[in-house]
Amino acid sequence: MLPFLVVLWSCEEVIEVDLKNESPKVVIESFITNVDNPFLVKITKSQGFFNQSNFSTVNDASVQLEYLLVKEKLLGKGNGYYISQKAKPVPGSDYTLKVTTSDETFCATVELPRPVPIDTVYFQPALFESDSLNVFVGFRDPAAIENYYRIRLYRNRRYAVNDYFMMTDAFSDGEKIVAPVYYRNFAPGDTVIVELLNLERCTWRYFKGISESIQQGVNSQAPGNPTSNFTGGALGIFGAWGSSTYRIIAPRITGKK
């Protein structure tokens, strides 16, 4: 089982949950994007719910990446990491990741989505804090294609890793979309970078599962693992997205001196 943070807001009632300790499973996490960064694969072993302090890494796997006419065996770097020296982002192409550990083989294939450009970013006074600003993100959704989006916001080069602003074009295919982000406030003068991720469908489902587990907290059933796209029973994700960014300085609030 993958690690989740569970916050208990009350100690008035003790609730016993039967969390079965399953045998460890291979956990694979890797993402291919349109940004030309080193392609990495991280492989670990899952732990029981009450034994998550020390995740064991897998350092003897055979890891292969295939796309177009390229077939590459990745180099082990230790601590569960494997790195490619050839992988290049080619939007619209299929990528296949194959991992073999002892007598098990796991495989996943994704298509790298094309980035969707951000057209506009602007600010409005926050709804409940007059000295703060909310950001609005505008972009044109590609027509006749299912798109799955995540927005990440960087404030002065930092962003919260547990922020999952997720949306789809189910009711706005081919239209201009303006997404208001009310949960994050900015101050005048902040350097704001908006990143729009056009996610591959399984990647969207994976992040959506993590987001729902975080939001539900103790009101949910026992935490589960997000949906994996690997065959063979491995946990984790081989994900893909096209990323576009927009940099802006938060303006002075109108009417403020």
C-alpha atoms as a PDB file:
ATOM      1  CA  MET A   1       0.000   0.000   0.000  1.00  0.00           C
ATOM      2  CA  LEU A   2       1.259   3.439  -0.867  1.00  0.00           C
ATOM      3  CA  PRO A   3       1.777   5.931   1.975  1.00  0.00           C
ATOM      4  CA  PHE A   4      -1.016   8.317   2.919  1.00  0.00           C
ATOM      5  CA  LEU A   5      -1.185  10.968   5.605  1.00  0.00           C
ATOM      6  CA  VAL A   6      -4.246  10.546   7.807  1.00  0.00           C
ATOM      7  CA  VAL A   7      -5.042  13.431  10.178  1.00  0.00           C
ATOM      8  CA  LEU A   8      -7.240  12.723  13.188  1.00  0.00           C
ATOM      9  CA  TRP A   9      -9.238  15.774  14.258  1.00  0.00           C
ATOM     10  CA  SER A  10     -10.859  14.232  17.320  1.00  0.00           C
ATOM     11  CA  CYS A  11      -9.871  11.788  20.005  1.00  0.00           C
ATOM     12  CA  GLU A  12     -13.339  11.329  21.490  1.00  0.00           C
ATOM     13  CA  GLU A  13     -14.053   8.090  19.658  1.00  0.00           C
ATOM     14  CA  VAL A  14     -11.809   5.164  18.788  1.00  0.00           C
ATOM     15  CA  ILE A  15     -12.600   3.534  15.469  1.00  0.00           C
ATOM     16  CA  GLU A  16     -11.038   0.203  14.683  1.00  0.00           C
ATOM     17  CA  VAL A  17     -10.396  -0.504  11.025  1.00  0.00           C
ATOM     18  CA  ASP A  18      -9.328  -3.908   9.796  1.00  0.00           C
ATOM     19  CA  LEU A  19      -6.317  -3.149   7.569  1.00  0.00           C
ATOM     20  CA  LYS A  20      -5.029  -6.376   6.097  1.00  0.00           C
ATOM     21  CA  ASN A  21      -1.279  -6.660   5.663  1.00  0.00           C
ATOM     22  CA  GLU A  22      -0.812  -7.909   2.119  1.00  0.00           C
ATOM     23  CA  SER A  23       2.450  -9.262   0.794  1.00  0.00           C
ATOM     24  CA  PRO A  24       4.764  -6.554  -0.579  1.00  0.00           C
ATOM     25  CA  LYS A  25       4.205  -5.486  -4.165  1.00  0.00           C
ATOM     26  CA  VAL A  26       6.463  -3.741  -6.624  1.00  0.00           C
ATOM     27  CA  VAL A  27       5.759   0.004  -6.878  1.00  0.00           C
ATOM     28  CA  ILE A  28       6.887   1.768 -10.064  1.00  0.00           C
ATOM     29  CA  GLU A  29       6.686   5.527 -10.594  1.00  0.00           C
ATOM     30  CA  SER A  30       7.814   7.306 -13.730  1.00  0.00           C
ATOM     31  CA  PHE A  31       6.628  10.192 -15.913  1.00  0.00           C
ATOM     32  CA  ILE A  32       7.406  11.199 -19.492  1.00  0.00           C
ATOM     33  CA  THR A  33       6.752  14.856 -20.344  1.00  0.00           C
ATOM     34  CA  ASN A  34       7.442  17.305 -23.166  1.00  0.00           C
ATOM     35  CA  VAL A  35      10.145  18.930 -21.015  1.00  0.00           C
ATOM     36  CA  ASP A  36      13.545  17.591 -22.023  1.00  0.00           C
ATOM     37  CA  ASN A  37      14.718  16.477 -18.584  1.00  0.00           C
ATOM     38  CA  PRO A  38      16.421  13.207 -17.628  1.00  0.00           C
ATOM     39  CA  PHE A  39      13.882  10.377 -17.751  1.00  0.00           C
ATOM     40  CA  LEU A  40      13.832   8.559 -14.399  1.00  0.00           C
ATOM     41  CA  VAL A  41      12.121   5.455 -13.053  1.00  0.00           C
ATOM     42  CA  LYS A  42      11.785   4.824  -9.292  1.00  0.00           C
ATOM     43  CA  ILE A  43      11.104   1.260  -8.097  1.00  0.00           C
ATOM     44  CA  THR A  44      10.290   0.329  -4.499  1.00  0.00           C
ATOM     45  CA  LYS A  45       8.376  -2.334  -2.582  1.00  0.00           C
ATOM     46  CA  SER A  46       5.076  -1.607  -0.845  1.00  0.00           C
ATOM     47  CA  GLN A  47       4.676  -1.882   2.925  1.00  0.00           C
ATOM     48  CA  GLY A  48       1.802  -2.636   5.267  1.00  0.00           C
ATOM     49  CA  PHE A  49      -0.288   0.325   6.460  1.00  0.00           C
ATOM     50  CA  PHE A  50       1.390   0.334   9.885  1.00  0.00           C
ATOM     51  CA  ASN A  51       4.886  -0.283   8.518  1.00  0.00           C
ATOM     52  CA  GLN A  52       5.647   2.681   6.286  1.00  0.00           C
ATOM     53  CA  SER A  53       8.742   4.167   7.893  1.00  0.00           C
ATOM     54  CA  ASN A  54      11.256   2.475   5.627  1.00  0.00           C
ATOM     55  CA  PHE A  55      10.292   1.634   2.054  1.00  0.00           C
ATOM     56  CA  SER A  56      12.671  -0.871   0.494  1.00  0.00           C
ATOM     57  CA  THR A  57      14.103  -0.023  -2.916  1.00  0.00           C
ATOM     58  CA  VAL A  58      14.552  -2.370  -5.871  1.00  0.00           C
ATOM     59  CA  ASN A  59      18.042  -2.054  -7.340  1.00  0.00           C
ATOM     60  CA  ASP A  60      18.375  -5.229  -9.429  1.00  0.00           C
ATOM     61  CA  ALA A  61      15.558  -4.753 -11.937  1.00  0.00           C
ATOM     62  CA  SER A  62      15.824  -4.765 -15.707  1.00  0.00           C
ATOM     63  CA  VAL A  63      14.148  -1.604 -17.022  1.00  0.00           C
ATOM     64  CA  GLN A  64      13.530  -0.947 -20.711  1.00  0.00           C
ATOM     65  CA  LEU A  65      11.957   2.032 -22.482  1.00  0.00           C
ATOM     66  CA  GLU A  66      10.624   1.743 -26.033  1.00  0.00           C
ATOM     67  CA  TYR A  67       9.300   4.464 -28.358  1.00  0.00           C
ATOM     68  CA  LEU A  68       9.412   5.006 -32.111  1.00  0.00           C
ATOM     69  CA  LEU A  69      12.510   3.012 -33.174  1.00  0.00           C
ATOM     70  CA  VAL A  70      14.304   3.413 -29.837  1.00  0.00           C
ATOM     71  CA  LYS A  71      14.789   0.524 -27.421  1.00  0.00           C
ATOM     72  CA  GLU A  72      16.920   1.374 -24.409  1.00  0.00           C
ATOM     73  CA  LYS A  73      17.853  -0.467 -21.243  1.00  0.00           C
ATOM     74  CA  LEU A  74      18.032   2.085 -18.434  1.00  0.00           C
ATOM     75  CA  LEU A  75      21.023   2.402 -16.121  1.00  0.00           C
ATOM     76  CA  GLY A  76      20.630   1.655 -12.419  1.00  0.00           C
ATOM     77  CA  LYS A  77      21.750   4.599 -10.268  1.00  0.00           C
ATOM     78  CA  GLY A  78      21.050   3.090  -6.831  1.00  0.00           C
ATOM     79  CA  ASN A  79      18.375   3.847  -4.252  1.00  0.00           C
ATOM     80  CA  GLY A  80      15.738   2.424  -6.595  1.00  0.00           C
ATOM     81  CA  TYR A  81      16.423   4.875  -9.450  1.00  0.00           C
ATOM     82  CA  TYR A  82      17.003   4.050 -13.104  1.00  0.00           C
ATOM     83  CA  ILE A  83      17.929   6.691 -15.707  1.00  0.00           C
ATOM     84  CA  SER A  84      17.689   6.969 -19.487  1.00  0.00           C
ATOM     85  CA  GLN A  85      20.436   8.485 -21.635  1.00  0.00           C
ATOM     86  CA  LYS A  86      18.404   8.517 -24.852  1.00  0.00           C
ATOM     87  CA  ALA A  87      14.777   9.367 -24.048  1.00  0.00           C
ATOM     88  CA  LYS A  88      13.437  12.371 -25.933  1.00  0.00           C
ATOM     89  CA  PRO A  89       9.941  13.831 -25.711  1.00  0.00           C
ATOM     90  CA  VAL A  90       7.954  13.384 -28.925  1.00  0.00           C
ATOM     91  CA  PRO A  91       4.365  14.578 -28.350  1.00  0.00           C
ATOM     92  CA  GLY A  92       1.805  12.248 -29.906  1.00  0.00           C
ATOM     93  CA  SER A  93       4.098   9.211 -29.681  1.00  0.00           C
ATOM     94  CA  ASP A  94       3.576   6.045 -27.638  1.00  0.00           C
ATOM     95  CA  TYR A  95       6.062   5.087 -24.926  1.00  0.00           C
ATOM     96  CA  THR A  96       6.286   1.615 -23.386  1.00  0.00           C
ATOM     97  CA  LEU A  97       8.009   0.946 -20.062  1.00  0.00           C
ATOM     98  CA  LYS A  98       8.887  -2.666 -19.216  1.00  0.00           C
ATOM     99  CA  VAL A  99      10.221  -3.645 -15.791  1.00  0.00           C
ATOM    100  CA  THR A 100      11.412  -7.133 -14.857  1.00  0.00           C
ATOM    101  CA  THR A 101      12.232  -8.045 -11.237  1.00  0.00           C
ATOM    102  CA  SER A 102      13.223 -11.632 -10.408  1.00  0.00           C
ATOM    103  CA  ASP A 103      10.475 -13.663 -12.140  1.00  0.00           C
ATOM    104  CA  GLU A 104       7.896 -10.869 -12.587  1.00  0.00           C
ATOM    105  CA  THR A 105       7.421  -8.551 -15.570  1.00  0.00           C
ATOM    106  CA  PHE A 106       5.355  -5.373 -15.542  1.00  0.00           C
ATOM    107  CA  CYS A 107       4.474  -3.256 -18.551  1.00  0.00           C
ATOM    108  CA  ALA A 108       2.660   0.024 -19.289  1.00  0.00           C
ATOM    109  CA  THR A 109       2.171   2.087 -22.447  1.00  0.00           C
ATOM    110  CA  VAL A 110       1.190   5.760 -22.619  1.00  0.00           C
ATOM    111  CA  GLU A 111       0.862   8.384 -25.315  1.00  0.00           C
ATOM    112  CA  LEU A 112       2.640  11.666 -24.615  1.00  0.00           C
ATOM    113  CA  PRO A 113      -0.037  14.406 -24.918  1.00  0.00           C
ATOM    114  CA  ARG A 114       0.674  17.655 -26.685  1.00  0.00           C
ATOM    115  CA  PRO A 115       0.915  20.732 -24.444  1.00  0.00           C
ATOM    116  CA  VAL A 116      -2.051  23.109 -24.415  1.00  0.00           C
ATOM    117  CA  PRO A 117      -0.849  26.739 -24.424  1.00  0.00           C
ATOM    118  CA  ILE A 118      -1.997  29.144 -21.712  1.00  0.00           C
ATOM    119  CA  ASP A 119      -3.599  32.199 -23.321  1.00  0.00           C
ATOM    120  CA  THR A 120      -4.105  34.506 -20.358  1.00  0.00           C
ATOM    121  CA  VAL A 121      -3.466  34.750 -16.638  1.00  0.00           C
ATOM    122  CA  TYR A 122      -4.995  37.502 -14.547  1.00  0.00           C
ATOM    123  CA  PHE A 123      -5.838  38.269 -10.919  1.00  0.00           C
ATOM    124  CA  GLN A 124      -8.883  39.400  -8.971  1.00  0.00           C
ATOM    125  CA  PRO A 125      -9.231  40.315  -5.277  1.00  0.00           C
ATOM    126  CA  ALA A 126      -9.703  37.205  -3.158  1.00  0.00           C
ATOM    127  CA  LEU A 127     -13.253  36.441  -2.097  1.00  0.00           C
ATOM    128  CA  PHE A 128     -12.631  36.405   1.648  1.00  0.00           C
ATOM    129  CA  GLU A 129      -9.304  38.229   2.078  1.00  0.00           C
ATOM    130  CA  SER A 130      -9.271  41.770   0.752  1.00  0.00           C
ATOM    131  CA  ASP A 131      -5.464  42.031   0.865  1.00  0.00           C
ATOM    132  CA  SER A 132      -4.945  38.930  -1.284  1.00  0.00           C
ATOM    133  CA  LEU A 133      -5.435  37.916  -4.898  1.00  0.00           C
ATOM    134  CA  ASN A 134      -6.823  34.864  -6.697  1.00  0.00           C
ATOM    135  CA  VAL A 135      -5.499  33.797 -10.066  1.00  0.00           C
ATOM    136  CA  PHE A 136      -7.569  32.988 -13.165  1.00  0.00           C
ATOM    137  CA  VAL A 137      -6.108  30.784 -15.913  1.00  0.00           C
ATOM    138  CA  GLY A 138      -7.409  30.973 -19.482  1.00  0.00           C
ATOM    139  CA  PHE A 139      -6.711  28.575 -22.372  1.00  0.00           C
ATOM    140  CA  ARG A 140      -8.350  27.153 -25.505  1.00  0.00           C
ATOM    141  CA  ASP A 141      -9.290  23.469 -25.247  1.00  0.00           C
ATOM    142  CA  PRO A 142      -8.434  21.433 -28.388  1.00  0.00           C
ATOM    143  CA  ALA A 143     -11.637  20.339 -30.130  1.00  0.00           C
ATOM    144  CA  ALA A 144     -12.739  16.713 -30.648  1.00  0.00           C
ATOM    145  CA  ILE A 145     -10.123  15.362 -28.212  1.00  0.00           C
ATOM    146  CA  GLU A 146     -10.658  14.228 -24.628  1.00  0.00           C
ATOM    147  CA  ASN A 147      -8.409  16.320 -22.410  1.00  0.00           C
ATOM    148  CA  TYR A 148      -7.546  15.913 -18.754  1.00  0.00           C
ATOM    149  CA  TYR A 149      -5.945  18.829 -16.958  1.00  0.00           C
ATOM    150  CA  ARG A 150      -4.059  19.646 -13.802  1.00  0.00           C
ATOM    151  CA  ILE A 151      -3.018  23.179 -12.823  1.00  0.00           C
ATOM    152  CA  ARG A 152       0.042  23.736 -10.645  1.00  0.00           C
ATOM    153  CA  LEU A 153       0.831  27.150  -9.181  1.00  0.00           C
ATOM    154  CA  TYR A 154       4.303  28.281  -8.133  1.00  0.00           C
ATOM    155  CA  ARG A 155       4.586  31.209  -5.742  1.00  0.00           C
ATOM    156  CA  ASN A 156       8.099  32.657  -5.687  1.00  0.00           C
ATOM    157  CA  ARG A 157       9.434  29.388  -7.158  1.00  0.00           C
ATOM    158  CA  ARG A 158       7.644  27.122  -4.692  1.00  0.00           C
ATOM    159  CA  TYR A 159       4.524  25.015  -5.015  1.00  0.00           C
ATOM    160  CA  ALA A 160       2.600  22.695  -2.695  1.00  0.00           C
ATOM    161  CA  VAL A 161       3.152  19.092  -3.803  1.00  0.00           C
ATOM    162  CA  ASN A 162      -0.266  18.061  -2.435  1.00  0.00           C
ATOM    163  CA  ASP A 163      -2.207  20.574  -4.565  1.00  0.00           C
ATOM    164  CA  TYR A 164      -4.357  18.728  -7.097  1.00  0.00           C
ATOM    165  CA  PHE A 165      -6.414  21.167  -9.173  1.00  0.00           C
ATOM    166  CA  MET A 166      -7.984  18.657 -11.562  1.00  0.00           C
ATOM    167  CA  MET A 167     -10.453  19.235 -14.395  1.00  0.00           C
ATOM    168  CA  THR A 168     -11.571  17.828 -17.763  1.00  0.00           C
ATOM    169  CA  ASP A 169     -13.112  19.217 -20.938  1.00  0.00           C
ATOM    170  CA  ALA A 170     -16.210  17.009 -20.607  1.00  0.00           C
ATOM    171  CA  PHE A 171     -18.534  20.026 -20.845  1.00  0.00           C
ATOM    172  CA  SER A 172     -16.256  22.462 -22.681  1.00  0.00           C
ATOM    173  CA  ASP A 173     -14.754  20.580 -25.612  1.00  0.00           C
ATOM    174  CA  GLY A 174     -13.132  22.992 -28.034  1.00  0.00           C
ATOM    175  CA  GLU A 175     -14.122  26.036 -25.994  1.00  0.00           C
ATOM    176  CA  LYS A 176     -12.253  28.799 -24.214  1.00  0.00           C
ATOM    177  CA  ILE A 177     -11.803  27.750 -20.578  1.00  0.00           C
ATOM    178  CA  VAL A 178     -11.174  30.162 -17.699  1.00  0.00           C
ATOM    179  CA  ALA A 179     -10.288  28.328 -14.491  1.00  0.00           C
ATOM    180  CA  PRO A 180     -10.469  30.346 -11.240  1.00  0.00           C
ATOM    181  CA  VAL A 181      -8.206  29.071  -8.467  1.00  0.00           C
ATOM    182  CA  TYR A 182      -9.823  30.161  -5.207  1.00  0.00           C
ATOM    183  CA  TYR A 183      -7.950  27.951  -2.758  1.00  0.00           C
ATOM    184  CA  ARG A 184      -4.584  29.689  -3.250  1.00  0.00           C
ATOM    185  CA  ASN A 185      -4.025  33.374  -2.400  1.00  0.00           C
ATOM    186  CA  PHE A 186      -1.252  35.621  -3.668  1.00  0.00           C
ATOM    187  CA  ALA A 187       0.134  38.958  -2.516  1.00  0.00           C
ATOM    188  CA  PRO A 188       1.003  41.919  -4.773  1.00  0.00           C
ATOM    189  CA  GLY A 189       4.561  41.520  -6.044  1.00  0.00           C
ATOM    190  CA  ASP A 190       4.587  37.721  -5.887  1.00  0.00           C
ATOM    191  CA  THR A 191       6.225  35.981  -8.814  1.00  0.00           C
ATOM    192  CA  VAL A 192       3.629  33.505 -10.025  1.00  0.00           C
ATOM    193  CA  ILE A 193       4.263  30.675 -12.465  1.00  0.00           C
ATOM    194  CA  VAL A 194       1.190  28.844 -13.737  1.00  0.00           C
ATOM    195  CA  GLU A 195       1.776  25.368 -15.145  1.00  0.00           C
ATOM    196  CA  LEU A 196      -0.970  23.717 -17.185  1.00  0.00           C
ATOM    197  CA  LEU A 197      -0.570  19.951 -17.496  1.00  0.00           C
ATOM    198  CA  ASN A 198      -2.447  18.166 -20.275  1.00  0.00           C
ATOM    199  CA  LEU A 199      -2.507  14.705 -18.732  1.00  0.00           C
ATOM    200  CA  GLU A 200      -2.746  11.296 -20.315  1.00  0.00           C
ATOM    201  CA  ARG A 201      -5.996   9.671 -19.118  1.00  0.00           C
ATOM    202  CA  CYS A 202      -4.491   7.038 -16.758  1.00  0.00           C
ATOM    203  CA  THR A 203      -2.213   9.703 -15.282  1.00  0.00           C
ATOM    204  CA  TRP A 204      -5.247  11.903 -14.573  1.00  0.00           C
ATOM    205  CA  ARG A 205      -7.035   9.009 -12.873  1.00  0.00           C
ATOM    206  CA  TYR A 206      -3.950   8.304 -10.752  1.00  0.00           C
ATOM    207  CA  PHE A 207      -3.646  11.914  -9.525  1.00  0.00           C
ATOM    208  CA  LYS A 208      -7.422  12.098  -9.068  1.00  0.00           C
ATOM    209  CA  GLY A 209      -7.291   9.058  -6.803  1.00  0.00           C
ATOM    210  CA  ILE A 210      -4.561  10.628  -4.666  1.00  0.00           C
ATOM    211  CA  SER A 211      -6.492  13.910  -4.513  1.00  0.00           C
ATOM    212  CA  GLU A 212      -9.711  12.230  -3.387  1.00  0.00           C
ATOM    213  CA  SER A 213      -7.905  10.258  -0.666  1.00  0.00           C
ATOM    214  CA  ILE A 214      -6.344  13.462   0.694  1.00  0.00           C
ATOM    215  CA  GLN A 215      -9.652  15.367   0.605  1.00  0.00           C
ATOM    216  CA  GLN A 216     -11.715  12.632   2.238  1.00  0.00           C
ATOM    217  CA  GLY A 217      -9.292  12.070   5.112  1.00  0.00           C
ATOM    218  CA  VAL A 218     -10.794  10.204   8.057  1.00  0.00           C
ATOM    219  CA  ASN A 219     -14.288  10.421   6.587  1.00  0.00           C
ATOM    220  CA  SER A 220     -13.330   7.846   3.980  1.00  0.00           C
ATOM    221  CA  GLN A 221     -12.900   4.110   4.230  1.00  0.00           C
ATOM    222  CA  ALA A 222      -9.432   2.674   4.701  1.00  0.00           C
ATOM    223  CA  PRO A 223      -7.080   4.403   2.228  1.00  0.00           C
ATOM    224  CA  GLY A 224      -6.635   2.546  -1.042  1.00  0.00           C
ATOM    225  CA  ASN A 225      -4.043   2.624  -3.762  1.00  0.00           C
ATOM    226  CA  PRO A 226      -4.576   4.855  -6.807  1.00  0.00           C
ATOM    227  CA  THR A 227      -5.360   3.013 -10.030  1.00  0.00           C
ATOM    228  CA  SER A 228      -2.212   1.695 -11.708  1.00  0.00           C
ATOM    229  CA  ASN A 229      -1.742   1.240 -15.465  1.00  0.00           C
ATOM    230  CA  PHE A 230       0.879  -1.514 -15.163  1.00  0.00           C
ATOM    231  CA  THR A 231       0.100  -5.055 -16.211  1.00  0.00           C
ATOM    232  CA  GLY A 232       1.323  -7.853 -13.967  1.00  0.00           C
ATOM    233  CA  GLY A 233       0.040  -6.461 -10.661  1.00  0.00           C
ATOM    234  CA  ALA A 234       2.540  -3.690  -9.935  1.00  0.00           C
ATOM    235  CA  LEU A 235       1.400  -0.555  -8.137  1.00  0.00           C
ATOM    236  CA  GLY A 236       2.244   2.983  -9.204  1.00  0.00           C
ATOM    237  CA  ILE A 237       2.059   4.742 -12.559  1.00  0.00           C
ATOM    238  CA  PHE A 238       3.830   5.277 -15.843  1.00  0.00           C
ATOM    239  CA  GLY A 239       2.398   8.691 -16.544  1.00  0.00           C
ATOM    240  CA  ALA A 240       2.632  11.322 -19.257  1.00  0.00           C
ATOM    241  CA  TRP A 241       1.705  14.948 -19.793  1.00  0.00           C
ATOM    242  CA  GLY A 242       2.339  17.942 -21.970  1.00  0.00           C
ATOM    243  CA  SER A 243       3.235  21.042 -19.952  1.00  0.00           C
ATOM    244  CA  SER A 244       2.920  24.743 -20.725  1.00  0.00           C
ATOM    245  CA  THR A 245       3.837  27.597 -18.376  1.00  0.00           C
ATOM    246  CA  TYR A 246       3.034  31.273 -17.901  1.00  0.00           C
ATOM    247  CA  ARG A 247       5.024  33.652 -15.682  1.00  0.00           C
ATOM    248  CA  ILE A 248       3.487  36.815 -14.227  1.00  0.00           C
ATOM    249  CA  ILE A 249       3.967  39.252 -11.327  1.00  0.00           C
ATOM    250  CA  ALA A 250       0.904  39.676  -9.114  1.00  0.00           C
ATOM    251  CA  PRO A 251      -0.281  43.307  -9.474  1.00  0.00           C
ATOM    252  CA  ARG A 252      -1.149  45.901  -6.857  1.00  0.00           C
ATOM    253  CA  ILE A 253      -4.713  45.522  -5.634  1.00  0.00           C
ATOM    254  CA  THR A 254      -6.920  48.221  -7.162  1.00  0.00           C
ATOM    255  CA  GLY A 255      -7.918  50.861  -4.674  1.00  0.00           C
ATOM    256  CA  LYS A 256      -5.047  50.036  -2.305  1.00  0.00           C
ATOM    257  CA  LYS A 257      -2.378  52.643  -1.610  1.00  0.00           C
END
